[in-house]
Protein backbone atom coordinates (compact mmCIF):
# COMPACT_ATOMS: atom_id res chain seq x y z
CA MET A 1 -57.69 -45.83 27.03
CA PRO A 2 -56.32 -44.69 23.65
CA PRO A 3 -52.70 -45.73 23.00
CA SER A 4 -51.73 -42.15 22.12
CA GLN A 5 -52.35 -41.05 25.72
CA ASN A 6 -51.25 -44.12 27.62
CA ALA A 7 -48.35 -46.49 27.77
CA LEU A 8 -48.10 -50.00 29.08
CA LEU A 9 -44.67 -50.58 30.52
CA ALA A 10 -44.04 -54.20 31.26
CA ALA A 11 -41.30 -55.70 33.37
CA LEU A 12 -40.90 -59.00 31.59
CA TYR A 13 -38.36 -60.77 33.73
CA PRO A 14 -39.13 -64.32 34.76
CA MET A 15 -36.48 -63.99 37.47
CA GLY A 16 -37.78 -60.66 38.90
CA CYS A 17 -37.00 -57.01 38.33
CA GLY A 18 -36.58 -53.62 39.97
CA SER A 19 -39.07 -50.77 39.85
CA GLY A 20 -37.83 -49.47 36.48
CA ARG A 21 -39.83 -46.25 36.85
CA TRP A 22 -39.07 -43.08 34.97
CA PRO A 23 -41.07 -39.86 34.57
CA SER A 24 -43.60 -39.51 31.78
CA PRO A 25 -45.79 -36.50 32.59
CA ALA A 26 -48.02 -36.70 29.50
CA ARG A 27 -48.93 -40.37 29.88
CA THR A 28 -50.53 -42.81 32.23
CA GLU A 29 -48.47 -45.94 32.78
CA LYS A 30 -49.45 -49.35 33.95
CA TYR A 31 -46.62 -51.48 35.30
CA VAL A 32 -46.84 -55.21 34.81
CA HIS A 33 -44.49 -57.68 36.46
CA SER A 34 -44.93 -60.99 34.69
CA ASP A 35 -43.21 -63.76 32.83
CA SER A 36 -42.88 -62.44 29.28
CA LEU A 37 -44.61 -65.37 27.60
CA ASP A 38 -47.53 -65.11 30.07
CA PHE A 39 -47.61 -61.40 29.33
CA PHE A 40 -48.03 -61.98 25.59
CA ARG A 41 -50.86 -64.44 26.29
CA TRP A 42 -52.50 -61.66 28.35
CA TRP A 43 -51.86 -59.21 25.47
CA ALA A 44 -53.68 -61.56 23.08
CA GLU A 45 -56.71 -61.71 25.39
CA GLU A 46 -56.87 -58.01 26.33
CA GLU A 47 -55.86 -56.55 22.94
CA PRO A 48 -54.60 -53.21 24.35
CA GLY A 49 -53.21 -52.14 20.97
CA PRO A 50 -50.11 -52.59 18.84
CA ILE A 51 -46.60 -52.75 20.29
CA HIS A 52 -44.33 -50.07 18.84
CA LEU A 53 -41.18 -50.83 20.84
CA LEU A 54 -40.26 -54.35 21.91
CA TYR A 55 -37.33 -54.60 24.35
CA LEU A 56 -36.00 -58.09 25.00
CA ASP A 57 -33.73 -58.52 28.03
CA SER A 58 -34.82 -61.65 29.89
CA LEU A 59 -33.09 -64.40 31.84
CA ASP A 60 -29.91 -62.61 32.85
CA TYR A 61 -28.04 -65.66 34.07
CA HIS A 62 -25.39 -67.98 32.70
CA ASP A 63 -27.44 -70.58 30.80
CA HIS A 64 -26.79 -69.16 27.33
CA ALA A 65 -28.85 -71.75 25.44
CA ALA A 66 -31.89 -71.04 27.63
CA ARG A 67 -31.48 -67.28 27.17
CA GLU A 68 -31.20 -67.61 23.37
CA ALA A 69 -34.25 -69.90 23.22
CA HIS A 70 -36.29 -67.61 25.49
CA HIS A 71 -35.53 -64.49 23.45
CA SER A 72 -36.55 -66.35 20.31
CA ALA A 73 -39.80 -67.49 21.97
CA GLU A 74 -40.48 -63.89 23.08
CA ALA A 75 -39.94 -62.54 19.55
CA GLU A 76 -42.26 -65.20 18.15
CA ALA A 77 -44.93 -64.52 20.80
CA ALA A 78 -44.75 -60.74 20.27
CA LEU A 79 -44.76 -60.81 16.46
CA PRO A 80 -48.57 -60.82 15.95
CA PHE A 81 -48.90 -57.74 18.17
CA LEU A 82 -46.10 -55.63 16.70
CA ALA A 83 -47.18 -52.52 14.82
CA ALA A 84 -46.52 -52.36 11.08
CA ARG A 85 -43.88 -49.73 11.88
CA CYS A 86 -42.03 -50.74 15.03
CA LEU A 87 -38.68 -51.23 16.72
CA ALA A 88 -37.22 -54.24 18.53
CA LEU A 89 -34.24 -53.74 20.84
CA ILE A 90 -32.40 -56.85 21.98
CA ASP A 91 -29.94 -56.64 24.86
CA ASP A 92 -26.87 -58.76 25.57
CA THR A 93 -26.19 -59.36 21.87
CA SER A 94 -23.06 -58.59 19.86
CA PRO A 95 -21.99 -58.97 16.22
CA SER A 96 -20.05 -62.20 15.65
CA GLY A 97 -19.23 -62.02 11.95
CA GLU A 98 -20.91 -62.63 8.62
CA VAL A 99 -22.29 -65.60 6.71
CA ASP A 100 -22.92 -65.15 2.99
CA GLY A 101 -22.69 -61.37 3.45
CA ALA A 102 -25.30 -61.24 6.23
CA PRO A 103 -24.29 -60.22 9.76
CA THR A 104 -24.43 -62.84 12.49
CA PHE A 105 -24.80 -62.26 16.20
CA GLY A 106 -23.91 -64.02 19.40
CA GLY A 107 -25.63 -63.76 22.74
CA ASP A 108 -29.31 -63.52 23.57
CA GLY A 109 -30.31 -62.44 20.06
CA LEU A 110 -28.65 -65.42 18.35
CA ARG A 111 -32.01 -66.90 17.31
CA ALA A 112 -34.36 -63.92 17.71
CA ILE A 113 -32.53 -61.69 15.21
CA PRO A 114 -32.68 -64.15 12.27
CA PHE A 115 -36.34 -64.83 13.14
CA LEU A 116 -37.16 -61.12 12.92
CA LEU A 117 -35.02 -60.54 9.82
CA GLU A 118 -36.92 -63.31 8.02
CA ARG A 119 -40.13 -61.42 8.83
CA GLY A 120 -39.27 -58.06 7.34
CA PHE A 121 -37.12 -56.42 10.00
CA ARG A 122 -33.77 -54.81 9.26
CA ILE A 123 -30.88 -54.02 11.57
CA VAL A 124 -30.46 -50.28 12.08
CA TRP A 125 -27.93 -50.24 14.91
CA ALA A 126 -25.66 -52.68 16.77
CA GLU A 127 -23.38 -51.38 19.50
CA ALA A 128 -22.51 -51.82 23.16
CA GLY A 129 -24.14 -55.25 23.41
CA GLN A 130 -27.48 -54.18 21.96
CA VAL A 131 -29.08 -54.58 18.55
CA LEU A 132 -31.91 -52.38 17.28
CA LEU A 133 -34.14 -53.69 14.50
CA GLU A 134 -36.83 -51.82 12.62
CA ARG A 135 -39.83 -52.88 10.62
CA ASP A 136 -41.69 -50.46 8.41
CA VAL A 137 -44.26 -52.40 6.43
CA ALA A 138 -45.61 -49.19 4.81
CA ALA A 139 -42.16 -48.42 3.38
CA GLY A 140 -42.15 -51.78 1.62
């Protein structure tokens, strides 16, 4: 199935998720309920195409260190499959200040954001507990 006509919508919650369905009349969706790291192993085997939007919102419970580590592991696992021009949206993350003129963040994106920034992403939006990053390799 060509990516332009189909979408793979994955529920990547190790602790479970709801249906998360929304209408998309021009596309065919496949819903996957899986642990996110298992999902990226599947992605490597199946090679369904590049990821254009990565949304990280896993482990919604109170172990902050585990959440931060898991989001970082997800970003690292997804990186080889991200399109040259793509977006990454990280939930439960807020600005916490600056270090040497660079913004810092607290919450789930604490480790994932620096990881992505070091690999060519830039922050395009940070509000309401979410941070949106963009990578456009073609733009340089």
